[in-house]
Amino acid sequence: MSYGILVQIILAFCCYYVAKRNGRNPWLALILGLLFSLVTLIVYVIIGKKK
């Protein structure tokens, strides 16, 4: 298994965790994290909690 794929999966689960903690849809974050990895994580950290 390539390390790039492993890193992308870890980042996707980080997106899942951040979205769940902030009250957003974690499954959407997981899918977007698999597609766009680090960019998605940065966006979910910046937008913060759902009002």
C-alpha atoms as a PDB file:
ATOM      1  CA  MET A   1       0.000   0.000   0.000  1.00  0.00           C
ATOM      2  CA  SER A   2       1.290   3.408  -0.916  1.00  0.00           C
ATOM      3  CA  TYR A   3       1.901   5.944   1.833  1.00  0.00           C
ATOM      4  CA  GLY A   4       0.041   8.592  -0.190  1.00  0.00           C
ATOM      5  CA  ILE A   5      -3.188   6.605  -0.039  1.00  0.00           C
ATOM      6  CA  LEU A   6      -2.731   6.003   3.684  1.00  0.00           C
ATOM      7  CA  VAL A   7      -2.200   9.722   4.341  1.00  0.00           C
ATOM      8  CA  GLN A   8      -5.284  10.591   2.289  1.00  0.00           C
ATOM      9  CA  ILE A   9      -7.419   8.148   4.291  1.00  0.00           C
ATOM     10  CA  ILE A  10      -6.101   9.550   7.584  1.00  0.00           C
ATOM     11  CA  LEU A  11      -6.891  13.102   6.436  1.00  0.00           C
ATOM     12  CA  ALA A  12     -10.390  12.007   5.403  1.00  0.00           C
ATOM     13  CA  PHE A  13     -11.049  10.636   8.889  1.00  0.00           C
ATOM     14  CA  CYS A  14      -9.703  13.874  10.375  1.00  0.00           C
ATOM     15  CA  CYS A  15     -12.257  15.733   8.229  1.00  0.00           C
ATOM     16  CA  TYR A  16     -14.946  13.381   9.573  1.00  0.00           C
ATOM     17  CA  TYR A  17     -13.949  14.093  13.168  1.00  0.00           C
ATOM     18  CA  VAL A  18     -13.748  17.892  12.724  1.00  0.00           C
ATOM     19  CA  ALA A  19     -17.113  18.026  10.954  1.00  0.00           C
ATOM     20  CA  LYS A  20     -18.791  15.882  13.610  1.00  0.00           C
ATOM     21  CA  ARG A  21     -17.317  18.001  16.406  1.00  0.00           C
ATOM     22  CA  ASN A  22     -18.537  21.207  14.707  1.00  0.00           C
ATOM     23  CA  GLY A  23     -22.089  19.983  14.076  1.00  0.00           C
ATOM     24  CA  ARG A  24     -21.705  19.500  10.335  1.00  0.00           C
ATOM     25  CA  ASN A  25     -22.430  16.446   8.179  1.00  0.00           C
ATOM     26  CA  PRO A  26     -19.534  14.057   8.918  1.00  0.00           C
ATOM     27  CA  TRP A  27     -20.262  11.678   6.021  1.00  0.00           C
ATOM     28  CA  LEU A  28     -20.117  14.490   3.494  1.00  0.00           C
ATOM     29  CA  ALA A  29     -16.862  15.619   5.075  1.00  0.00           C
ATOM     30  CA  LEU A  30     -15.476  12.073   4.805  1.00  0.00           C
ATOM     31  CA  ILE A  31     -16.307  11.850   1.095  1.00  0.00           C
ATOM     32  CA  LEU A  32     -14.936  15.321   0.385  1.00  0.00           C
ATOM     33  CA  GLY A  33     -11.876  14.450   2.451  1.00  0.00           C
ATOM     34  CA  LEU A  34     -11.232  11.409   0.284  1.00  0.00           C
ATOM     35  CA  LEU A  35     -11.530  13.524  -2.863  1.00  0.00           C
ATOM     36  CA  PHE A  36      -9.746  16.727  -1.829  1.00  0.00           C
ATOM     37  CA  SER A  37      -7.973  15.700   1.434  1.00  0.00           C
ATOM     38  CA  LEU A  38      -5.989  18.598   2.925  1.00  0.00           C
ATOM     39  CA  VAL A  39      -8.045  21.340   1.267  1.00  0.00           C
ATOM     40  CA  THR A  40     -11.240  19.948   2.805  1.00  0.00           C
ATOM     41  CA  LEU A  41      -9.663  19.713   6.241  1.00  0.00           C
ATOM     42  CA  ILE A  42      -8.522  23.335   6.078  1.00  0.00           C
ATOM     43  CA  VAL A  43     -11.983  24.501   4.983  1.00  0.00           C
ATOM     44  CA  TYR A  44     -13.753  22.610   7.780  1.00  0.00           C
ATOM     45  CA  VAL A  45     -11.360  24.024  10.374  1.00  0.00           C
ATOM     46  CA  ILE A  46     -11.825  27.587   9.068  1.00  0.00           C
ATOM     47  CA  ILE A  47     -15.640  27.577   8.809  1.00  0.00           C
ATOM     48  CA  GLY A  48     -16.013  26.372  12.383  1.00  0.00           C
ATOM     49  CA  LYS A  49     -19.217  25.479  14.224  1.00  0.00           C
ATOM     50  CA  LYS A  50     -22.652  25.500  12.667  1.00  0.00           C
ATOM     51  CA  LYS A  51     -24.943  28.137  14.145  1.00  0.00           C
END
